Amino acid sequence: MTFLNGSDKNWQSNCIGRRTMKNNNFENIFDAYQLVSGAKIKGKQQDEIFELGAYDALKRGYTVYPLEHGIKYEDFSVIVSERELKANFLIEAGKANTAIAA
């Protein structure tokens, strides 16, 4: 996803302040039951945080919104497939979908 042409490969560490979530509160995504609307996700290689939106069946992917300092930017979004989410993203721990017994 990141294209670097001859520049420093750690350029993000120079630009990102201490307010990013660099802690270990994120875990691997194993199945679709973890992918719930409102969950925080981040790339395995980057420190940017995103918020997971609803699943779009027509486009076969999840809507993902950028999140910065706790503010969700709804004017920009991307569609990411489940396969790409599993391979390239981590999800915030404890946000898995839990079944409610009726």
Protein backbone atom coordinates (compact mmCIF):
# COMPACT_ATOMS: atom_id res chain seq x y z
CA MET A 1 0.00 0.00 0.00
CA THR A 2 2.91 2.36 0.68
CA PHE A 3 5.07 3.36 -2.24
CA LEU A 4 8.50 4.74 -1.44
CA ASN A 5 10.76 5.84 -4.25
CA GLY A 6 14.24 6.20 -2.84
CA SER A 7 13.11 7.89 0.37
CA ASP A 8 13.69 6.77 3.91
CA LYS A 9 11.69 3.63 4.71
CA ASN A 10 11.00 4.87 8.27
CA TRP A 11 9.64 8.26 7.26
CA GLN A 12 6.41 7.70 9.20
CA SER A 13 8.25 7.45 12.50
CA ASN A 14 9.56 10.97 11.87
CA CYS A 15 6.08 12.34 11.09
CA ILE A 16 3.84 10.54 13.56
CA GLY A 17 3.54 12.12 16.97
CA ARG A 18 3.16 10.34 20.29
CA ARG A 19 -0.63 10.32 20.04
CA THR A 20 -0.82 7.30 17.74
CA MET A 21 -1.82 3.93 19.15
CA LYS A 22 1.49 2.07 19.13
CA ASN A 23 0.52 -0.17 22.03
CA ASN A 24 -0.25 -3.87 21.93
CA ASN A 25 -4.05 -3.59 22.14
CA PHE A 26 -4.40 -5.01 18.64
CA GLU A 27 -4.61 -8.65 17.57
CA ASN A 28 -4.75 -10.58 14.32
CA ILE A 29 -8.06 -10.97 12.50
CA PHE A 30 -8.96 -14.65 12.20
CA ASP A 31 -12.57 -14.64 10.99
CA ALA A 32 -15.44 -12.39 9.97
CA TYR A 33 -17.06 -12.54 13.41
CA GLN A 34 -14.41 -10.14 14.66
CA LEU A 35 -15.29 -7.58 11.97
CA VAL A 36 -18.00 -5.49 13.60
CA SER A 37 -19.00 -1.95 12.72
CA GLY A 38 -17.20 0.58 14.91
CA ALA A 39 -14.15 -1.57 15.62
CA LYS A 40 -10.76 0.11 15.45
CA ILE A 41 -8.26 -1.45 13.04
CA LYS A 42 -4.70 -0.61 12.04
CA GLY A 43 -2.31 -1.83 9.41
CA LYS A 44 0.30 -4.39 10.31
CA GLN A 45 3.02 -2.26 8.74
CA GLN A 46 1.64 1.24 9.50
CA ASP A 47 0.48 3.05 12.63
CA GLU A 48 -2.59 4.73 11.12
CA ILE A 49 -5.85 3.86 12.84
CA PHE A 50 -9.11 3.26 10.97
CA GLU A 51 -12.70 2.61 12.00
CA LEU A 52 -14.52 -0.28 10.45
CA GLY A 53 -17.89 0.51 8.91
CA ALA A 54 -20.66 -1.66 7.56
CA TYR A 55 -20.24 -4.54 5.13
CA ASP A 56 -21.31 -3.66 1.57
CA ALA A 57 -22.59 -6.84 -0.11
CA LEU A 58 -22.70 -5.26 -3.58
CA LYS A 59 -19.02 -4.29 -3.42
CA ARG A 60 -18.03 -7.38 -1.41
CA GLY A 61 -16.10 -5.51 1.22
CA TYR A 62 -16.14 -3.46 4.40
CA THR A 63 -16.24 0.32 4.45
CA VAL A 64 -13.19 1.68 6.28
CA TYR A 65 -12.94 5.27 7.56
CA PRO A 66 -9.77 7.08 8.65
CA LEU A 67 -9.63 7.92 12.35
CA GLU A 68 -7.42 10.66 13.73
CA HIS A 69 -7.35 11.83 17.36
CA GLY A 70 -10.68 10.07 17.95
CA ILE A 71 -12.43 11.80 15.04
CA LYS A 72 -13.91 9.63 12.28
CA TYR A 73 -13.71 11.27 8.85
CA GLU A 74 -16.84 10.15 6.99
CA ASP A 75 -16.14 12.26 3.89
CA PHE A 76 -13.45 9.77 2.83
CA SER A 77 -13.78 5.99 2.91
CA VAL A 78 -12.44 2.92 1.14
CA ILE A 79 -13.81 -0.57 0.57
CA VAL A 80 -11.55 -3.35 1.86
CA SER A 81 -12.23 -7.05 1.32
CA GLU A 82 -12.30 -9.54 4.18
CA ARG A 83 -9.26 -11.31 2.75
CA GLU A 84 -7.24 -8.08 2.73
CA LEU A 85 -8.35 -7.22 6.27
CA LYS A 86 -7.17 -10.62 7.52
CA ALA A 87 -3.84 -10.37 5.70
CA ASN A 88 -2.88 -6.72 6.29
CA PHE A 89 -4.74 -5.38 9.34
CA LEU A 90 -5.00 -5.87 13.10
CA ILE A 91 -8.17 -5.30 15.15
CA GLU A 92 -8.51 -3.77 18.59
CA ALA A 93 -8.62 -6.50 21.24
CA GLY A 94 -11.93 -7.16 22.89
CA LYS A 95 -14.05 -5.87 20.02
CA ALA A 96 -15.12 -9.26 18.71
CA ASN A 97 -18.78 -9.82 17.99
CA THR A 98 -20.40 -11.76 20.79
CA ALA A 99 -23.60 -13.75 20.39
CA ILE A 100 -26.43 -12.89 22.77
CA ALA A 101 -28.42 -15.86 24.05
CA ALA A 102 -32.16 -15.29 23.68
